[in-house]
């Protein structure tokens, strides 16, 4: 699930660019820079090392 504030920012950015949310996201993905293993270069900082996975949700 995308947090509401992140969704609102993406929507505002798409609107400012004069395109749909789908076109905006497609262009972001198209421009994503990948490392030698095909992983986005920013992923390690955001998510840690590959294979760590996510902790299970509780509650």
PDB file of N, CA and C in Angstrom:
ATOM      1  N   UNK A   1       0.842  -1.171   0.000  1.00  0.00           N
ATOM      2  CA  UNK A   1       0.000   0.000   0.000  1.00  0.00           C
ATOM      3  C   UNK A   1       0.892   1.241   0.000  1.00  0.00           C
ATOM      4  N   UNK A   2       0.544   2.183  -0.812  1.00  0.00           N
ATOM      5  CA  UNK A   2       1.285   3.448  -0.878  1.00  0.00           C
ATOM      6  C   UNK A   2       0.708   4.397   0.177  1.00  0.00           C
ATOM      7  N   UNK A   3       1.552   4.958   1.049  1.00  0.00           N
ATOM      8  CA  UNK A   3       1.044   5.908   2.042  1.00  0.00           C
ATOM      9  C   UNK A   3       0.334   7.087   1.365  1.00  0.00           C
ATOM     10  N   UNK A   4      -0.689   7.597   2.009  1.00  0.00           N
ATOM     11  CA  UNK A   4      -1.514   8.659   1.432  1.00  0.00           C
ATOM     12  C   UNK A   4      -0.702   9.889   1.050  1.00  0.00           C
ATOM     13  N   UNK A   5       0.275  10.268   1.863  1.00  0.00           N
ATOM     14  CA  UNK A   5       1.058  11.461   1.547  1.00  0.00           C
ATOM     15  C   UNK A   5       1.943  11.246   0.323  1.00  0.00           C
ATOM     16  N   UNK A   6       2.465  10.030   0.160  1.00  0.00           N
ATOM     17  CA  UNK A   6       3.289   9.719  -1.013  1.00  0.00           C
ATOM     18  C   UNK A   6       2.418   9.706  -2.268  1.00  0.00           C
ATOM     19  N   UNK A   7       1.229   9.122  -2.168  1.00  0.00           N
ATOM     20  CA  UNK A   7       0.293   9.106  -3.293  1.00  0.00           C
ATOM     21  C   UNK A   7      -0.077  10.527  -3.690  1.00  0.00           C
ATOM     22  N   UNK A   8      -0.350  11.373  -2.715  1.00  0.00           N
ATOM     23  CA  UNK A   8      -0.722  12.763  -2.999  1.00  0.00           C
ATOM     24  C   UNK A   8       0.409  13.501  -3.701  1.00  0.00           C
ATOM     25  N   UNK A   9       1.646  13.253  -3.285  1.00  0.00           N
ATOM     26  CA  UNK A   9       2.795  13.888  -3.935  1.00  0.00           C
ATOM     27  C   UNK A   9       2.920  13.420  -5.377  1.00  0.00           C
ATOM     28  N   UNK A  10       2.796  12.117  -5.602  1.00  0.00           N
ATOM     29  CA  UNK A  10       2.882  11.583  -6.965  1.00  0.00           C
ATOM     30  C   UNK A  10       1.768  12.150  -7.836  1.00  0.00           C
ATOM     31  N   UNK A  11       0.567  12.230  -7.296  1.00  0.00           N
ATOM     32  CA  UNK A  11      -0.558  12.784  -8.048  1.00  0.00           C
ATOM     33  C   UNK A  11      -0.307  14.249  -8.402  1.00  0.00           C
ATOM     34  N   UNK A  12       0.182  15.017  -7.444  1.00  0.00           N
ATOM     35  CA  UNK A  12       0.477  16.432  -7.701  1.00  0.00           C
ATOM     36  C   UNK A  12       1.579  16.581  -8.744  1.00  0.00           C
ATOM     37  N   UNK A  13       2.598  15.736  -8.673  1.00  0.00           N
ATOM     38  CA  UNK A  13       3.678  15.788  -9.660  1.00  0.00           C
ATOM     39  C   UNK A  13       3.176  15.432 -11.052  1.00  0.00           C
ATOM     40  N   UNK A  14       2.339  14.406 -11.143  1.00  0.00           N
ATOM     41  CA  UNK A  14       1.770  14.018 -12.437  1.00  0.00           C
ATOM     42  C   UNK A  14       0.912  15.142 -12.998  1.00  0.00           C
ATOM     43  N   UNK A  15       0.108  15.715 -12.153  1.00  0.00           N
ATOM     44  CA  UNK A  15      -0.756  16.814 -12.595  1.00  0.00           C
ATOM     45  C   UNK A  15       0.074  18.005 -13.074  1.00  0.00           C
ATOM     46  N   UNK A  16       1.129  18.344 -12.345  1.00  0.00           N
ATOM     47  CA  UNK A  16       2.002  19.452 -12.742  1.00  0.00           C
ATOM     48  C   UNK A  16       2.684  19.169 -14.076  1.00  0.00           C
ATOM     49  N   UNK A  17       2.967  17.886 -14.342  1.00  0.00           N
ATOM     50  CA  UNK A  17       3.589  17.499 -15.612  1.00  0.00           C
ATOM     51  C   UNK A  17       2.572  17.418 -16.741  1.00  0.00           C
ATOM     52  N   UNK A  18       1.282  17.478 -16.394  1.00  0.00           N
ATOM     53  CA  UNK A  18       0.230  17.427 -17.404  1.00  0.00           C
ATOM     54  C   UNK A  18      -0.047  16.030 -17.932  1.00  0.00           C
ATOM     55  N   UNK A  19       0.239  15.008 -17.098  1.00  0.00           N
ATOM     56  CA  UNK A  19       0.015  13.626 -17.525  1.00  0.00           C
ATOM     57  C   UNK A  19      -0.771  12.874 -16.458  1.00  0.00           C
ATOM     58  N   UNK A  20      -1.254  11.696 -16.841  1.00  0.00           N
ATOM     59  CA  UNK A  20      -1.961  10.849 -15.886  1.00  0.00           C
ATOM     60  C   UNK A  20      -0.974  10.245 -14.891  1.00  0.00           C
ATOM     61  N   UNK A  21      -1.507   9.754 -13.802  1.00  0.00           N
ATOM     62  CA  UNK A  21      -0.679   9.082 -12.806  1.00  0.00           C
ATOM     63  C   UNK A  21       0.018   7.874 -13.433  1.00  0.00           C
ATOM     64  N   UNK A  22      -0.682   7.129 -14.265  1.00  0.00           N
ATOM     65  CA  UNK A  22      -0.092   5.972 -14.928  1.00  0.00           C
ATOM     66  C   UNK A  22       1.085   6.350 -15.805  1.00  0.00           C
ATOM     67  N   UNK A  23       0.932   7.407 -16.599  1.00  0.00           N
ATOM     68  CA  UNK A  23       2.033   7.852 -17.459  1.00  0.00           C
ATOM     69  C   UNK A  23       3.202   8.354 -16.620  1.00  0.00           C
ATOM     70  N   UNK A  24       2.896   9.050 -15.544  1.00  0.00           N
ATOM     71  CA  UNK A  24       3.945   9.557 -14.657  1.00  0.00           C
ATOM     72  C   UNK A  24       4.752   8.403 -14.057  1.00  0.00           C
ATOM     73  N   UNK A  25       4.057   7.410 -13.514  1.00  0.00           N
ATOM     74  CA  UNK A  25       4.747   6.272 -12.911  1.00  0.00           C
ATOM     75  C   UNK A  25       5.522   5.468 -13.949  1.00  0.00           C
ATOM     76  N   UNK A  26       4.947   5.295 -15.141  1.00  0.00           N
ATOM     77  CA  UNK A  26       5.647   4.571 -16.207  1.00  0.00           C
ATOM     78  C   UNK A  26       6.950   5.271 -16.571  1.00  0.00           C
ATOM     79  N   UNK A  27       6.933   6.586 -16.630  1.00  0.00           N
ATOM     80  CA  UNK A  27       8.148   7.329 -16.972  1.00  0.00           C
ATOM     81  C   UNK A  27       9.180   7.240 -15.852  1.00  0.00           C
ATOM     82  N   UNK A  28       8.743   7.286 -14.602  1.00  0.00           N
ATOM     83  CA  UNK A  28       9.677   7.110 -13.486  1.00  0.00           C
ATOM     84  C   UNK A  28      10.361   5.744 -13.573  1.00  0.00           C
ATOM     85  N   UNK A  29       9.586   4.708 -13.846  1.00  0.00           N
ATOM     86  CA  UNK A  29      10.141   3.362 -13.952  1.00  0.00           C
ATOM     87  C   UNK A  29      11.084   3.266 -15.144  1.00  0.00           C
ATOM     88  N   UNK A  30      10.708   3.846 -16.268  1.00  0.00           N
ATOM     89  CA  UNK A  30      11.551   3.815 -17.460  1.00  0.00           C
ATOM     90  C   UNK A  30      12.902   4.468 -17.198  1.00  0.00           C
ATOM     91  N   UNK A  31      12.917   5.514 -16.385  1.00  0.00           N
ATOM     92  CA  UNK A  31      14.148   6.270 -16.110  1.00  0.00           C
ATOM     93  C   UNK A  31      14.947   5.729 -14.920  1.00  0.00           C
ATOM     94  N   UNK A  32      14.430   4.718 -14.251  1.00  0.00           N
ATOM     95  CA  UNK A  32      15.102   4.160 -13.076  1.00  0.00           C
ATOM     96  C   UNK A  32      16.487   3.649 -13.454  1.00  0.00           C
ATOM     97  N   UNK A  33      17.494   4.052 -12.701  1.00  0.00           N
ATOM     98  CA  UNK A  33      18.864   3.590 -12.935  1.00  0.00           C
ATOM     99  C   UNK A  33      19.087   2.299 -12.153  1.00  0.00           C
ATOM    100  N   UNK A  34      19.656   1.307 -12.830  1.00  0.00           N
ATOM    101  CA  UNK A  34      19.868  -0.002 -12.232  1.00  0.00           C
ATOM    102  C   UNK A  34      21.352  -0.282 -12.060  1.00  0.00           C
ATOM    103  N   UNK A  35      21.671  -1.071 -11.023  1.00  0.00           N
ATOM    104  CA  UNK A  35      23.067  -1.469 -10.842  1.00  0.00           C
ATOM    105  C   UNK A  35      23.357  -2.679 -11.732  1.00  0.00           C
ATOM    106  N   UNK A  36      24.553  -3.250 -11.590  1.00  0.00           N
ATOM    107  CA  UNK A  36      24.969  -4.351 -12.460  1.00  0.00           C
ATOM    108  C   UNK A  36      24.123  -5.608 -12.291  1.00  0.00           C
ATOM    109  N   UNK A  37      23.413  -5.726 -11.171  1.00  0.00           N
ATOM    110  CA  UNK A  37      22.549  -6.889 -10.955  1.00  0.00           C
ATOM    111  C   UNK A  37      21.092  -6.607 -11.314  1.00  0.00           C
ATOM    112  N   UNK A  38      20.813  -5.419 -11.843  1.00  0.00           N
ATOM    113  CA  UNK A  38      19.454  -5.075 -12.243  1.00  0.00           C
ATOM    114  C   UNK A  38      18.600  -4.502 -11.132  1.00  0.00           C
ATOM    115  N   UNK A  39      19.215  -4.188 -10.007  1.00  0.00           N
ATOM    116  CA  UNK A  39      18.492  -3.617  -8.858  1.00  0.00           C
ATOM    117  C   UNK A  39      18.573  -2.098  -8.933  1.00  0.00           C
ATOM    118  N   UNK A  40      17.481  -1.389  -8.635  1.00  0.00           N
ATOM    119  CA  UNK A  40      17.559   0.073  -8.615  1.00  0.00           C
ATOM    120  C   UNK A  40      18.698   0.541  -7.705  1.00  0.00           C
ATOM    121  N   UNK A  41      19.453   1.529  -8.155  1.00  0.00           N
ATOM    122  CA  UNK A  41      20.636   1.976  -7.406  1.00  0.00           C
ATOM    123  C   UNK A  41      20.279   2.526  -6.025  1.00  0.00           C
ATOM    124  N   UNK A  42      19.083   2.986  -5.830  1.00  0.00           N
ATOM    125  CA  UNK A  42      18.664   3.551  -4.553  1.00  0.00           C
ATOM    126  C   UNK A  42      18.112   2.491  -3.599  1.00  0.00           C
ATOM    127  N   UNK A  43      17.912   1.259  -4.051  1.00  0.00           N
ATOM    128  CA  UNK A  43      17.216   0.236  -3.263  1.00  0.00           C
ATOM    129  C   UNK A  43      17.957  -0.162  -1.992  1.00  0.00           C
ATOM    130  N   UNK A  44      19.288  -0.255  -2.045  1.00  0.00           N
ATOM    131  CA  UNK A  44      20.038  -0.676  -0.856  1.00  0.00           C
ATOM    132  C   UNK A  44      19.822   0.310   0.288  1.00  0.00           C
ATOM    133  N   UNK A  45      19.889   1.595  -0.031  1.00  0.00           N
ATOM    134  CA  UNK A  45      19.682   2.620   1.002  1.00  0.00           C
ATOM    135  C   UNK A  45      18.261   2.565   1.557  1.00  0.00           C
ATOM    136  N   UNK A  46      17.291   2.335   0.674  1.00  0.00           N
ATOM    137  CA  UNK A  46      15.888   2.347   1.088  1.00  0.00           C
ATOM    138  C   UNK A  46      15.453   1.064   1.789  1.00  0.00           C
ATOM    139  N   UNK A  47      15.951  -0.094   1.325  1.00  0.00           N
ATOM    140  CA  UNK A  47      15.426  -1.381   1.790  1.00  0.00           C
ATOM    141  C   UNK A  47      16.458  -2.311   2.412  1.00  0.00           C
ATOM    142  N   UNK A  48      17.738  -1.956   2.370  1.00  0.00           N
ATOM    143  CA  UNK A  48      18.777  -2.837   2.902  1.00  0.00           C
ATOM    144  C   UNK A  48      19.287  -3.804   1.844  1.00  0.00           C
ATOM    145  N   UNK A  49      19.989  -4.807   2.304  1.00  0.00           N
ATOM    146  CA  UNK A  49      20.593  -5.792   1.412  1.00  0.00           C
ATOM    147  C   UNK A  49      19.531  -6.716   0.822  1.00  0.00           C
ATOM    148  N   UNK A  50      19.763  -7.204  -0.407  1.00  0.00           N
ATOM    149  CA  UNK A  50      18.822  -8.163  -1.003  1.00  0.00           C
ATOM    150  C   UNK A  50      18.705  -9.406  -0.126  1.00  0.00           C
ATOM    151  N   UNK A  51      17.514  -9.965  -0.087  1.00  0.00           N
ATOM    152  CA  UNK A  51      17.300 -11.188   0.665  1.00  0.00           C
ATOM    153  C   UNK A  51      16.920 -10.983   2.120  1.00  0.00           C
ATOM    154  N   UNK A  52      16.974  -9.741   2.601  1.00  0.00           N
ATOM    155  CA  UNK A  52      16.583  -9.495   3.989  1.00  0.00           C
ATOM    156  C   UNK A  52      15.085  -9.681   4.167  1.00  0.00           C
ATOM    157  N   UNK A  53      14.330  -9.365   3.125  1.00  0.00           N
ATOM    158  CA  UNK A  53      12.889  -9.495   3.212  1.00  0.00           C
ATOM    159  C   UNK A  53      12.281  -8.482   4.159  1.00  0.00           C
ATOM    160  N   UNK A  54      10.991  -8.569   4.300  1.00  0.00           N
ATOM    161  CA  UNK A  54      10.277  -7.682   5.211  1.00  0.00           C
ATOM    162  C   UNK A  54       9.869  -8.470   6.442  1.00  0.00           C
ATOM    163  N   UNK A  55       9.805  -7.792   7.548  1.00  0.00           N
ATOM    164  CA  UNK A  55       9.319  -8.425   8.761  1.00  0.00           C
ATOM    165  C   UNK A  55       7.816  -8.643   8.645  1.00  0.00           C
ATOM    166  N   UNK A  56       7.302  -9.726   9.229  1.00  0.00           N
ATOM    167  CA  UNK A  56       5.858  -9.957   9.154  1.00  0.00           C
ATOM    168  C   UNK A  56       5.093  -8.881   9.913  1.00  0.00           C
ATOM    169  N   UNK A  57       3.924  -8.560   9.396  1.00  0.00           N
ATOM    170  CA  UNK A  57       3.064  -7.589  10.072  1.00  0.00           C
ATOM    171  C   UNK A  57       2.395  -8.284  11.251  1.00  0.00           C
ATOM    172  N   UNK A  58       2.250  -7.569  12.343  1.00  0.00           N
ATOM    173  CA  UNK A  58       1.589  -8.139  13.519  1.00  0.00           C
ATOM    174  C   UNK A  58       0.414  -7.264  13.910  1.00  0.00           C
ATOM    175  N   UNK A  59      -0.442  -7.791  14.722  1.00  0.00           N
ATOM    176  CA  UNK A  59      -1.499  -6.965  15.254  1.00  0.00           C
ATOM    177  C   UNK A  59      -2.812  -7.363  14.809  1.00  0.00           C
TER     178      UNK A  59
END
